[in-house]
Amino acid sequence: MPESGQFAEAVAPRATILLPFALLWVLLGAYLVLLEFAEESALLGAVAGVLRIVMAPVDALVHRTGGFFRESAVGAAIGYGLLLGYFYAIATVIGLVIEALAGR
């Protein structure tokens, strides 16, 4: 059994995961804004295209089961939970890559 300090350190959120997690939420906001203005600029169109790739699984899920997520509070809660899980998984992968590149 690890000592309490080791356990707390092992389960503590790391900045290498939390920063990408926060960045993904910023990207989601940017994605939604760029959907409105992407036609006006080639650069914004390119950025929106990259963000569409990141958001593709979320878009597919909503299009296949959109009524469930929009019409009930339970569905909305499940949808937000899935979105949080998806973003946390991506952030974890990004964080592990950052740690591997940093040699930790």
PDB file of N, CA and C in Angstrom:
ATOM      1  N   MET A   1       0.847  -1.181   0.000  1.00  0.00           N
ATOM      2  CA  MET A   1       0.000   0.000   0.000  1.00  0.00           C
ATOM      3  C   MET A   1       0.889   1.239   0.000  1.00  0.00           C
ATOM      4  N   PRO A   2       0.693   2.130  -0.954  1.00  0.00           N
ATOM      5  CA  PRO A   2       1.517   3.334  -0.972  1.00  0.00           C
ATOM      6  C   PRO A   2       1.183   4.244   0.199  1.00  0.00           C
ATOM      7  N   GLU A   3       2.164   5.028   0.601  1.00  0.00           N
ATOM      8  CA  GLU A   3       1.912   5.999   1.657  1.00  0.00           C
ATOM      9  C   GLU A   3       0.929   7.044   1.152  1.00  0.00           C
ATOM     10  N   SER A   4       0.293   7.734   2.082  1.00  0.00           N
ATOM     11  CA  SER A   4      -0.764   8.671   1.691  1.00  0.00           C
ATOM     12  C   SER A   4      -0.245   9.768   0.771  1.00  0.00           C
ATOM     13  N   GLY A   5       0.972  10.225   0.963  1.00  0.00           N
ATOM     14  CA  GLY A   5       1.535  11.253   0.090  1.00  0.00           C
ATOM     15  C   GLY A   5       1.719  10.747  -1.329  1.00  0.00           C
ATOM     16  N   GLN A   6       2.152   9.491  -1.456  1.00  0.00           N
ATOM     17  CA  GLN A   6       2.327   8.913  -2.786  1.00  0.00           C
ATOM     18  C   GLN A   6       0.979   8.728  -3.470  1.00  0.00           C
ATOM     19  N   PHE A   7      -0.024   8.309  -2.705  1.00  0.00           N
ATOM     20  CA  PHE A   7      -1.349   8.108  -3.286  1.00  0.00           C
ATOM     21  C   PHE A   7      -1.927   9.434  -3.764  1.00  0.00           C
ATOM     22  N   ALA A   8      -1.804  10.465  -2.923  1.00  0.00           N
ATOM     23  CA  ALA A   8      -2.325  11.782  -3.304  1.00  0.00           C
ATOM     24  C   ALA A   8      -1.625  12.295  -4.554  1.00  0.00           C
ATOM     25  N   GLU A   9      -0.332  12.044  -4.648  1.00  0.00           N
ATOM     26  CA  GLU A   9       0.411  12.478  -5.832  1.00  0.00           C
ATOM     27  C   GLU A   9      -0.009  11.685  -7.063  1.00  0.00           C
ATOM     28  N   ALA A  10      -0.307  10.411  -6.875  1.00  0.00           N
ATOM     29  CA  ALA A  10      -0.676   9.558  -8.007  1.00  0.00           C
ATOM     30  C   ALA A  10      -2.033   9.923  -8.589  1.00  0.00           C
ATOM     31  N   VAL A  11      -2.974  10.334  -7.747  1.00  0.00           N
ATOM     32  CA  VAL A  11      -4.318  10.637  -8.241  1.00  0.00           C
ATOM     33  C   VAL A  11      -4.548  12.125  -8.491  1.00  0.00           C
ATOM     34  N   ALA A  12      -3.581  12.964  -8.152  1.00  0.00           N
ATOM     35  CA  ALA A  12      -3.744  14.407  -8.363  1.00  0.00           C
ATOM     36  C   ALA A  12      -3.776  14.720  -9.854  1.00  0.00           C
ATOM     37  N   PRO A  13      -4.668  15.611 -10.264  1.00  0.00           N
ATOM     38  CA  PRO A  13      -4.692  16.005 -11.676  1.00  0.00           C
ATOM     39  C   PRO A  13      -3.380  16.682 -12.056  1.00  0.00           C
ATOM     40  N   ARG A  14      -2.875  16.338 -13.199  1.00  0.00           N
ATOM     41  CA  ARG A  14      -1.622  16.924 -13.664  1.00  0.00           C
ATOM     42  C   ARG A  14      -1.930  18.041 -14.654  1.00  0.00           C
ATOM     43  N   ALA A  15      -1.092  19.060 -14.647  1.00  0.00           N
ATOM     44  CA  ALA A  15      -1.282  20.189 -15.563  1.00  0.00           C
ATOM     45  C   ALA A  15      -1.198  19.734 -17.010  1.00  0.00           C
ATOM     46  N   THR A  16      -0.426  18.675 -17.272  1.00  0.00           N
ATOM     47  CA  THR A  16      -0.298  18.214 -18.657  1.00  0.00           C
ATOM     48  C   THR A  16      -1.583  17.588 -19.168  1.00  0.00           C
ATOM     49  N   ILE A  17      -2.526  17.284 -18.280  1.00  0.00           N
ATOM     50  CA  ILE A  17      -3.836  16.798 -18.718  1.00  0.00           C
ATOM     51  C   ILE A  17      -4.870  17.909 -18.613  1.00  0.00           C
ATOM     52  N   LEU A  18      -4.822  18.691 -17.544  1.00  0.00           N
ATOM     53  CA  LEU A  18      -5.838  19.724 -17.345  1.00  0.00           C
ATOM     54  C   LEU A  18      -5.723  20.868 -18.348  1.00  0.00           C
ATOM     55  N   LEU A  19      -4.512  21.232 -18.736  1.00  0.00           N
ATOM     56  CA  LEU A  19      -4.366  22.309 -19.713  1.00  0.00           C
ATOM     57  C   LEU A  19      -4.927  21.919 -21.074  1.00  0.00           C
ATOM     58  N   PRO A  20      -4.601  20.734 -21.612  1.00  0.00           N
ATOM     59  CA  PRO A  20      -5.249  20.354 -22.877  1.00  0.00           C
ATOM     60  C   PRO A  20      -6.760  20.213 -22.740  1.00  0.00           C
ATOM     61  N   PHE A  21      -7.241  19.767 -21.576  1.00  0.00           N
ATOM     62  CA  PHE A  21      -8.680  19.633 -21.344  1.00  0.00           C
ATOM     63  C   PHE A  21      -9.353  21.001 -21.448  1.00  0.00           C
ATOM     64  N   ALA A  22      -8.754  22.008 -20.816  1.00  0.00           N
ATOM     65  CA  ALA A  22      -9.292  23.364 -20.914  1.00  0.00           C
ATOM     66  C   ALA A  22      -9.187  23.886 -22.341  1.00  0.00           C
ATOM     67  N   LEU A  23      -8.075  23.582 -23.002  1.00  0.00           N
ATOM     68  CA  LEU A  23      -7.898  24.026 -24.383  1.00  0.00           C
ATOM     69  C   LEU A  23      -8.966  23.434 -25.295  1.00  0.00           C
ATOM     70  N   LEU A  24      -9.341  22.190 -25.064  1.00  0.00           N
ATOM     71  CA  LEU A  24     -10.373  21.572 -25.891  1.00  0.00           C
ATOM     72  C   LEU A  24     -11.707  22.289 -25.740  1.00  0.00           C
ATOM     73  N   TRP A  25     -12.018  22.778 -24.542  1.00  0.00           N
ATOM     74  CA  TRP A  25     -13.261  23.531 -24.362  1.00  0.00           C
ATOM     75  C   TRP A  25     -13.190  24.867 -25.086  1.00  0.00           C
ATOM     76  N   VAL A  26     -12.009  25.479 -25.087  1.00  0.00           N
ATOM     77  CA  VAL A  26     -11.832  26.713 -25.852  1.00  0.00           C
ATOM     78  C   VAL A  26     -12.005  26.423 -27.338  1.00  0.00           C
ATOM     79  N   LEU A  27     -11.439  25.291 -27.802  1.00  0.00           N
ATOM     80  CA  LEU A  27     -11.588  24.915 -29.207  1.00  0.00           C
ATOM     81  C   LEU A  27     -13.042  24.649 -29.563  1.00  0.00           C
ATOM     82  N   LEU A  28     -13.796  24.070 -28.644  1.00  0.00           N
ATOM     83  CA  LEU A  28     -15.217  23.852 -28.904  1.00  0.00           C
ATOM     84  C   LEU A  28     -15.928  25.188 -29.119  1.00  0.00           C
ATOM     85  N   GLY A  29     -15.633  26.156 -28.275  1.00  0.00           N
ATOM     86  CA  GLY A  29     -16.216  27.482 -28.462  1.00  0.00           C
ATOM     87  C   GLY A  29     -15.782  28.107 -29.777  1.00  0.00           C
ATOM     88  N   ALA A  30     -14.493  27.959 -30.103  1.00  0.00           N
ATOM     89  CA  ALA A  30     -13.999  28.488 -31.377  1.00  0.00           C
ATOM     90  C   ALA A  30     -14.673  27.792 -32.547  1.00  0.00           C
ATOM     91  N   TYR A  31     -14.864  26.488 -32.425  1.00  0.00           N
ATOM     92  CA  TYR A  31     -15.532  25.716 -33.483  1.00  0.00           C
ATOM     93  C   TYR A  31     -16.939  26.246 -33.728  1.00  0.00           C
ATOM     94  N   LEU A  32     -17.666  26.489 -32.672  1.00  0.00           N
ATOM     95  CA  LEU A  32     -19.036  26.983 -32.819  1.00  0.00           C
ATOM     96  C   LEU A  32     -19.066  28.389 -33.414  1.00  0.00           C
ATOM     97  N   VAL A  33     -18.113  29.230 -33.022  1.00  0.00           N
ATOM     98  CA  VAL A  33     -18.045  30.576 -33.595  1.00  0.00           C
ATOM     99  C   VAL A  33     -17.637  30.514 -35.061  1.00  0.00           C
ATOM    100  N   LEU A  34     -16.645  29.664 -35.368  1.00  0.00           N
ATOM    101  CA  LEU A  34     -16.159  29.580 -36.746  1.00  0.00           C
ATOM    102  C   LEU A  34     -17.196  29.004 -37.693  1.00  0.00           C
ATOM    103  N   LEU A  35     -18.123  28.216 -37.183  1.00  0.00           N
ATOM    104  CA  LEU A  35     -19.185  27.708 -38.048  1.00  0.00           C
ATOM    105  C   LEU A  35     -19.987  28.856 -38.654  1.00  0.00           C
ATOM    106  N   GLU A  36     -20.081  29.950 -37.912  1.00  0.00           N
ATOM    107  CA  GLU A  36     -20.833  31.110 -38.394  1.00  0.00           C
ATOM    108  C   GLU A  36     -20.041  31.946 -39.392  1.00  0.00           C
ATOM    109  N   PHE A  37     -18.711  32.019 -39.221  1.00  0.00           N
ATOM    110  CA  PHE A  37     -17.915  32.960 -40.003  1.00  0.00           C
ATOM    111  C   PHE A  37     -16.923  32.303 -40.957  1.00  0.00           C
ATOM    112  N   ALA A  38     -16.918  30.982 -41.082  1.00  0.00           N
ATOM    113  CA  ALA A  38     -15.899  30.288 -41.871  1.00  0.00           C
ATOM    114  C   ALA A  38     -15.962  30.633 -43.350  1.00  0.00           C
ATOM    115  N   GLU A  39     -17.129  30.980 -43.861  1.00  0.00           N
ATOM    116  CA  GLU A  39     -17.253  31.265 -45.283  1.00  0.00           C
ATOM    117  C   GLU A  39     -16.549  32.560 -45.668  1.00  0.00           C
ATOM    118  N   GLU A  40     -16.282  33.432 -44.713  1.00  0.00           N
ATOM    119  CA  GLU A  40     -15.731  34.747 -45.015  1.00  0.00           C
ATOM    120  C   GLU A  40     -14.224  34.748 -45.214  1.00  0.00           C
ATOM    121  N   SER A  41     -13.504  33.732 -44.752  1.00  0.00           N
ATOM    122  CA  SER A  41     -12.051  33.748 -44.822  1.00  0.00           C
ATOM    123  C   SER A  41     -11.522  32.342 -45.089  1.00  0.00           C
ATOM    124  N   ALA A  42     -10.493  32.258 -45.934  1.00  0.00           N
ATOM    125  CA  ALA A  42      -9.878  30.960 -46.218  1.00  0.00           C
ATOM    126  C   ALA A  42      -9.165  30.420 -44.976  1.00  0.00           C
ATOM    127  N   LEU A  43      -8.517  31.301 -44.215  1.00  0.00           N
ATOM    128  CA  LEU A  43      -7.825  30.871 -43.000  1.00  0.00           C
ATOM    129  C   LEU A  43      -8.813  30.334 -41.976  1.00  0.00           C
ATOM    130  N   LEU A  44      -9.902  31.062 -41.767  1.00  0.00           N
ATOM    131  CA  LEU A  44     -10.922  30.582 -40.833  1.00  0.00           C
ATOM    132  C   LEU A  44     -11.536  29.285 -41.329  1.00  0.00           C
ATOM    133  N   GLY A  45     -11.683  29.144 -42.645  1.00  0.00           N
ATOM    134  CA  GLY A  45     -12.194  27.895 -43.212  1.00  0.00           C
ATOM    135  C   GLY A  45     -11.269  26.728 -42.920  1.00  0.00           C
ATOM    136  N   ALA A  46      -9.949  26.957 -43.003  1.00  0.00           N
ATOM    137  CA  ALA A  46      -8.974  25.898 -42.714  1.00  0.00           C
ATOM    138  C   ALA A  46      -9.006  25.516 -41.235  1.00  0.00           C
ATOM    139  N   VAL A  47      -9.070  26.519 -40.364  1.00  0.00           N
ATOM    140  CA  VAL A  47      -9.134  26.245 -38.924  1.00  0.00           C
ATOM    141  C   VAL A  47     -10.419  25.495 -38.593  1.00  0.00           C
ATOM    142  N   ALA A  48     -11.520  25.909 -39.183  1.00  0.00           N
ATOM    143  CA  ALA A  48     -12.791  25.219 -38.948  1.00  0.00           C
ATOM    144  C   ALA A  48     -12.723  23.781 -39.443  1.00  0.00           C
ATOM    145  N   GLY A  49     -12.010  23.536 -40.546  1.00  0.00           N
ATOM    146  CA  GLY A  49     -11.853  22.170 -41.052  1.00  0.00           C
ATOM    147  C   GLY A  49     -11.110  21.277 -40.075  1.00  0.00           C
ATOM    148  N   VAL A  50     -10.047  21.799 -39.474  1.00  0.00           N
ATOM    149  CA  VAL A  50      -9.294  21.020 -38.477  1.00  0.00           C
ATOM    150  C   VAL A  50     -10.175  20.740 -37.265  1.00  0.00           C
ATOM    151  N   LEU A  51     -10.920  21.740 -36.831  1.00  0.00           N
ATOM    152  CA  LEU A  51     -11.793  21.548 -35.676  1.00  0.00           C
ATOM    153  C   LEU A  51     -12.927  20.578 -35.993  1.00  0.00           C
ATOM    154  N   ARG A  52     -13.374  20.529 -37.242  1.00  0.00           N
ATOM    155  CA  ARG A  52     -14.404  19.552 -37.621  1.00  0.00           C
ATOM    156  C   ARG A  52     -13.890  18.128 -37.451  1.00  0.00           C
ATOM    157  N   ILE A  53     -12.597  17.919 -37.718  1.00  0.00           N
ATOM    158  CA  ILE A  53     -12.014  16.583 -37.541  1.00  0.00           C
ATOM    159  C   ILE A  53     -12.060  16.191 -36.068  1.00  0.00           C
ATOM    160  N   VAL A  54     -11.690  17.119 -35.180  1.00  0.00           N
ATOM    161  CA  VAL A  54     -11.716  16.836 -33.739  1.00  0.00           C
ATOM    162  C   VAL A  54     -13.144  16.573 -33.273  1.00  0.00           C
ATOM    163  N   MET A  55     -14.084  17.321 -33.810  1.00  0.00           N
ATOM    164  CA  MET A  55     -15.470  17.214 -33.365  1.00  0.00           C
ATOM    165  C   MET A  55     -16.273  16.150 -34.107  1.00  0.00           C
ATOM    166  N   ALA A  56     -15.665  15.447 -35.058  1.00  0.00           N
ATOM    167  CA  ALA A  56     -16.401  14.469 -35.873  1.00  0.00           C
ATOM    168  C   ALA A  56     -17.122  13.410 -35.038  1.00  0.00           C
ATOM    169  N   PRO A  57     -16.484  12.790 -34.027  1.00  0.00           N
ATOM    170  CA  PRO A  57     -17.227  11.794 -33.238  1.00  0.00           C
ATOM    171  C   PRO A  57     -18.432  12.383 -32.513  1.00  0.00           C
ATOM    172  N   VAL A  58     -18.296  13.601 -32.013  1.00  0.00           N
ATOM    173  CA  VAL A  58     -19.413  14.244 -31.325  1.00  0.00           C
ATOM    174  C   VAL A  58     -20.535  14.528 -32.316  1.00  0.00           C
ATOM    175  N   ASP A  59     -20.177  15.056 -33.493  1.00  0.00           N
ATOM    176  CA  ASP A  59     -21.185  15.329 -34.519  1.00  0.00           C
ATOM    177  C   ASP A  59     -21.907  14.050 -34.935  1.00  0.00           C
ATOM    178  N   ALA A  60     -21.155  12.968 -35.124  1.00  0.00           N
ATOM    179  CA  ALA A  60     -21.772  11.702 -35.535  1.00  0.00           C
ATOM    180  C   ALA A  60     -22.743  11.198 -34.473  1.00  0.00           C
ATOM    181  N   LEU A  61     -22.343  11.279 -33.217  1.00  0.00           N
ATOM    182  CA  LEU A  61     -23.211  10.822 -32.133  1.00  0.00           C
ATOM    183  C   LEU A  61     -24.493  11.642 -32.068  1.00  0.00           C
ATOM    184  N   VAL A  62     -24.365  12.952 -32.190  1.00  0.00           N
ATOM    185  CA  VAL A  62     -25.540  13.817 -32.101  1.00  0.00           C
ATOM    186  C   VAL A  62     -26.461  13.608 -33.302  1.00  0.00           C
ATOM    187  N   HIS A  63     -25.894  13.424 -34.491  1.00  0.00           N
ATOM    188  CA  HIS A  63     -26.745  13.233 -35.662  1.00  0.00           C
ATOM    189  C   HIS A  63     -27.476  11.896 -35.630  1.00  0.00           C
ATOM    190  N   ARG A  64     -26.853  10.877 -35.074  1.00  0.00           N
ATOM    191  CA  ARG A  64     -27.504   9.563 -35.023  1.00  0.00           C
ATOM    192  C   ARG A  64     -28.568   9.488 -33.935  1.00  0.00           C
ATOM    193  N   THR A  65     -28.317  10.145 -32.830  1.00  0.00           N
ATOM    194  CA  THR A  65     -29.247  10.062 -31.698  1.00  0.00           C
ATOM    195  C   THR A  65     -29.629  11.452 -31.208  1.00  0.00           C
ATOM    196  N   GLY A  66     -29.693  12.418 -32.102  1.00  0.00           N
ATOM    197  CA  GLY A  66     -29.921  13.813 -31.725  1.00  0.00           C
ATOM    198  C   GLY A  66     -31.201  14.046 -30.959  1.00  0.00           C
ATOM    199  N   GLY A  67     -32.283  13.368 -31.348  1.00  0.00           N
ATOM    200  CA  GLY A  67     -33.549  13.561 -30.660  1.00  0.00           C
ATOM    201  C   GLY A  67     -33.459  13.185 -29.194  1.00  0.00           C
ATOM    202  N   PHE A  68     -32.753  12.110 -28.893  1.00  0.00           N
ATOM    203  CA  PHE A  68     -32.600  11.662 -27.508  1.00  0.00           C
ATOM    204  C   PHE A  68     -31.885  12.723 -26.689  1.00  0.00           C
ATOM    205  N   PHE A  69     -30.834  13.332 -27.258  1.00  0.00           N
ATOM    206  CA  PHE A  69     -30.059  14.314 -26.508  1.00  0.00           C
ATOM    207  C   PHE A  69     -30.775  15.651 -26.393  1.00  0.00           C
ATOM    208  N   ARG A  70     -31.632  15.979 -27.332  1.00  0.00           N
ATOM    209  CA  ARG A  70     -32.289  17.282 -27.314  1.00  0.00           C
ATOM    210  C   ARG A  70     -33.613  17.273 -26.570  1.00  0.00           C
ATOM    211  N   GLU A  71     -34.291  16.140 -26.537  1.00  0.00           N
ATOM    212  CA  GLU A  71     -35.667  16.120 -26.045  1.00  0.00           C
ATOM    213  C   GLU A  71     -35.821  15.731 -24.587  1.00  0.00           C
ATOM    214  N   SER A  72     -34.765  15.284 -23.939  1.00  0.00           N
ATOM    215  CA  SER A  72     -34.920  14.887 -22.542  1.00  0.00           C
ATOM    216  C   SER A  72     -33.739  15.378 -21.714  1.00  0.00           C
ATOM    217  N   ALA A  73     -34.016  15.644 -20.456  1.00  0.00           N
ATOM    218  CA  ALA A  73     -32.955  16.075 -19.548  1.00  0.00           C
ATOM    219  C   ALA A  73     -31.954  14.952 -19.317  1.00  0.00           C
ATOM    220  N   VAL A  74     -32.443  13.719 -19.260  1.00  0.00           N
ATOM    221  CA  VAL A  74     -31.545  12.572 -19.076  1.00  0.00           C
ATOM    222  C   VAL A  74     -30.624  12.448 -20.281  1.00  0.00           C
ATOM    223  N   GLY A  75     -31.195  12.592 -21.471  1.00  0.00           N
ATOM    224  CA  GLY A  75     -30.379  12.519 -22.681  1.00  0.00           C
ATOM    225  C   GLY A  75     -29.333  13.616 -22.732  1.00  0.00           C
ATOM    226  N   ALA A  76     -29.722  14.828 -22.332  1.00  0.00           N
ATOM    227  CA  ALA A  76     -28.760  15.933 -22.312  1.00  0.00           C
ATOM    228  C   ALA A  76     -27.645  15.659 -21.309  1.00  0.00           C
ATOM    229  N   ALA A  77     -27.999  15.117 -20.143  1.00  0.00           N
ATOM    230  CA  ALA A  77     -26.985  14.797 -19.136  1.00  0.00           C
ATOM    231  C   ALA A  77     -26.027  13.732 -19.650  1.00  0.00           C
ATOM    232  N   ILE A  78     -26.559  12.714 -20.304  1.00  0.00           N
ATOM    233  CA  ILE A  78     -25.707  11.664 -20.874  1.00  0.00           C
ATOM    234  C   ILE A  78     -24.820  12.253 -21.964  1.00  0.00           C
ATOM    235  N   GLY A  79     -25.396  13.113 -22.800  1.00  0.00           N
ATOM    236  CA  GLY A  79     -24.618  13.746 -23.866  1.00  0.00           C
ATOM    237  C   GLY A  79     -23.469  14.575 -23.327  1.00  0.00           C
ATOM    238  N   TYR A  80     -23.739  15.383 -22.300  1.00  0.00           N
ATOM    239  CA  TYR A  80     -22.669  16.178 -21.703  1.00  0.00           C
ATOM    240  C   TYR A  80     -21.624  15.285 -21.040  1.00  0.00           C
ATOM    241  N   GLY A  81     -22.063  14.202 -20.423  1.00  0.00           N
ATOM    242  CA  GLY A  81     -21.112  13.258 -19.833  1.00  0.00           C
ATOM    243  C   GLY A  81     -20.214  12.627 -20.879  1.00  0.00           C
ATOM    244  N   LEU A  82     -20.800  12.246 -22.003  1.00  0.00           N
ATOM    245  CA  LEU A  82     -20.003  11.680 -23.093  1.00  0.00           C
ATOM    246  C   LEU A  82     -19.028  12.710 -23.658  1.00  0.00           C
ATOM    247  N   LEU A  83     -19.475  13.950 -23.778  1.00  0.00           N
ATOM    248  CA  LEU A  83     -18.600  15.004 -24.277  1.00  0.00           C
ATOM    249  C   LEU A  83     -17.437  15.245 -23.319  1.00  0.00           C
ATOM    250  N   LEU A  84     -17.724  15.288 -22.021  1.00  0.00           N
ATOM    251  CA  LEU A  84     -16.655  15.440 -21.034  1.00  0.00           C
ATOM    252  C   LEU A  84     -15.669  14.282 -21.110  1.00  0.00           C
ATOM    253  N   GLY A  85     -16.195  13.061 -21.205  1.00  0.00           N
ATOM    254  CA  GLY A  85     -15.326  11.890 -21.300  1.00  0.00           C
ATOM    255  C   GLY A  85     -14.467  11.908 -22.546  1.00  0.00           C
ATOM    256  N   TYR A  86     -15.060  12.284 -23.668  1.00  0.00           N
ATOM    257  CA  TYR A  86     -14.322  12.352 -24.931  1.00  0.00           C
ATOM    258  C   TYR A  86     -13.201  13.381 -24.841  1.00  0.00           C
ATOM    259  N   PHE A  87     -13.518  14.568 -24.332  1.00  0.00           N
ATOM    260  CA  PHE A  87     -12.499  15.602 -24.209  1.00  0.00           C
ATOM    261  C   PHE A  87     -11.423  15.198 -23.201  1.00  0.00           C
ATOM    262  N   TYR A  88     -11.818  14.551 -22.110  1.00  0.00           N
ATOM    263  CA  TYR A  88     -10.819  14.139 -21.122  1.00  0.00           C
ATOM    264  C   TYR A  88      -9.901  13.070 -21.705  1.00  0.00           C
ATOM    265  N   ALA A  89     -10.455  12.167 -22.518  1.00  0.00           N
ATOM    266  CA  ALA A  89      -9.619  11.143 -23.156  1.00  0.00           C
ATOM    267  C   ALA A  89      -8.610  11.781 -24.107  1.00  0.00           C
ATOM    268  N   ILE A  90      -9.063  12.734 -24.917  1.00  0.00           N
ATOM    269  CA  ILE A  90      -8.137  13.418 -25.823  1.00  0.00           C
ATOM    270  C   ILE A  90      -7.080  14.174 -25.020  1.00  0.00           C
ATOM    271  N   ALA A  91      -7.496  14.859 -23.963  1.00  0.00           N
ATOM    272  CA  ALA A  91      -6.562  15.617 -23.135  1.00  0.00           C
ATOM    273  C   ALA A  91      -5.555  14.697 -22.462  1.00  0.00           C
ATOM    274  N   THR A  92      -5.985  13.517 -22.049  1.00  0.00           N
ATOM    275  CA  THR A  92      -5.069  12.564 -21.429  1.00  0.00           C
ATOM    276  C   THR A  92      -4.016  12.113 -22.423  1.00  0.00           C
ATOM    277  N   VAL A  93      -4.427  11.812 -23.638  1.00  0.00           N
ATOM    278  CA  VAL A  93      -3.466  11.401 -24.670  1.00  0.00           C
ATOM    279  C   VAL A  93      -2.480  12.532 -24.948  1.00  0.00           C
ATOM    280  N   ILE A  94      -2.983  13.752 -25.092  1.00  0.00           N
ATOM    281  CA  ILE A  94      -2.094  14.893 -25.325  1.00  0.00           C
ATOM    282  C   ILE A  94      -1.141  15.069 -24.144  1.00  0.00           C
ATOM    283  N   GLY A  95      -1.656  14.946 -22.919  1.00  0.00           N
ATOM    284  CA  GLY A  95      -0.813  15.069 -21.736  1.00  0.00           C
ATOM    285  C   GLY A  95       0.257  14.003 -21.660  1.00  0.00           C
ATOM    286  N   LEU A  96      -0.084  12.766 -22.013  1.00  0.00           N
ATOM    287  CA  LEU A  96       0.915  11.695 -22.005  1.00  0.00           C
ATOM    288  C   LEU A  96       1.987  11.932 -23.059  1.00  0.00           C
ATOM    289  N   VAL A  97       1.596  12.456 -24.207  1.00  0.00           N
ATOM    290  CA  VAL A  97       2.581  12.783 -25.245  1.00  0.00           C
ATOM    291  C   VAL A  97       3.507  13.891 -24.759  1.00  0.00           C
ATOM    292  N   ILE A  98       2.938  14.909 -24.117  1.00  0.00           N
ATOM    293  CA  ILE A  98       3.761  16.001 -23.584  1.00  0.00           C
ATOM    294  C   ILE A  98       4.746  15.463 -22.554  1.00  0.00           C
ATOM    295  N   GLU A  99       4.278  14.602 -21.651  1.00  0.00           N
ATOM    296  CA  GLU A  99       5.159  14.040 -20.632  1.00  0.00           C
ATOM    297  C   GLU A  99       6.235  13.160 -21.255  1.00  0.00           C
ATOM    298  N   ALA A 100       5.873  12.393 -22.288  1.00  0.00           N
ATOM    299  CA  ALA A 100       6.861  11.540 -22.950  1.00  0.00           C
ATOM    300  C   ALA A 100       7.924  12.392 -23.645  1.00  0.00           C
ATOM    301  N   LEU A 101       7.498  13.467 -24.288  1.00  0.00           N
ATOM    302  CA  LEU A 101       8.454  14.343 -24.962  1.00  0.00           C
ATOM    303  C   LEU A 101       9.337  15.082 -23.965  1.00  0.00           C
ATOM    304  N   ALA A 102       8.793  15.359 -22.783  1.00  0.00           N
ATOM    305  CA  ALA A 102       9.570  16.047 -21.750  1.00  0.00           C
ATOM    306  C   ALA A 102      10.500  15.089 -21.012  1.00  0.00           C
ATOM    307  N   GLY A 103      10.332  13.788 -21.241  1.00  0.00           N
ATOM    308  CA  GLY A 103      11.200  12.798 -20.618  1.00  0.00           C
ATOM    309  C   GLY A 103      10.858  12.469 -19.190  1.00  0.00           C
ATOM    310  N   ARG A 104       9.584  12.599 -18.824  1.00  0.00           N
ATOM    311  CA  ARG A 104       9.180  12.288 -17.443  1.00  0.00           C
ATOM    312  C   ARG A 104       8.925  10.820 -17.288  1.00  0.00           C
TER     313      ARG A 104
END
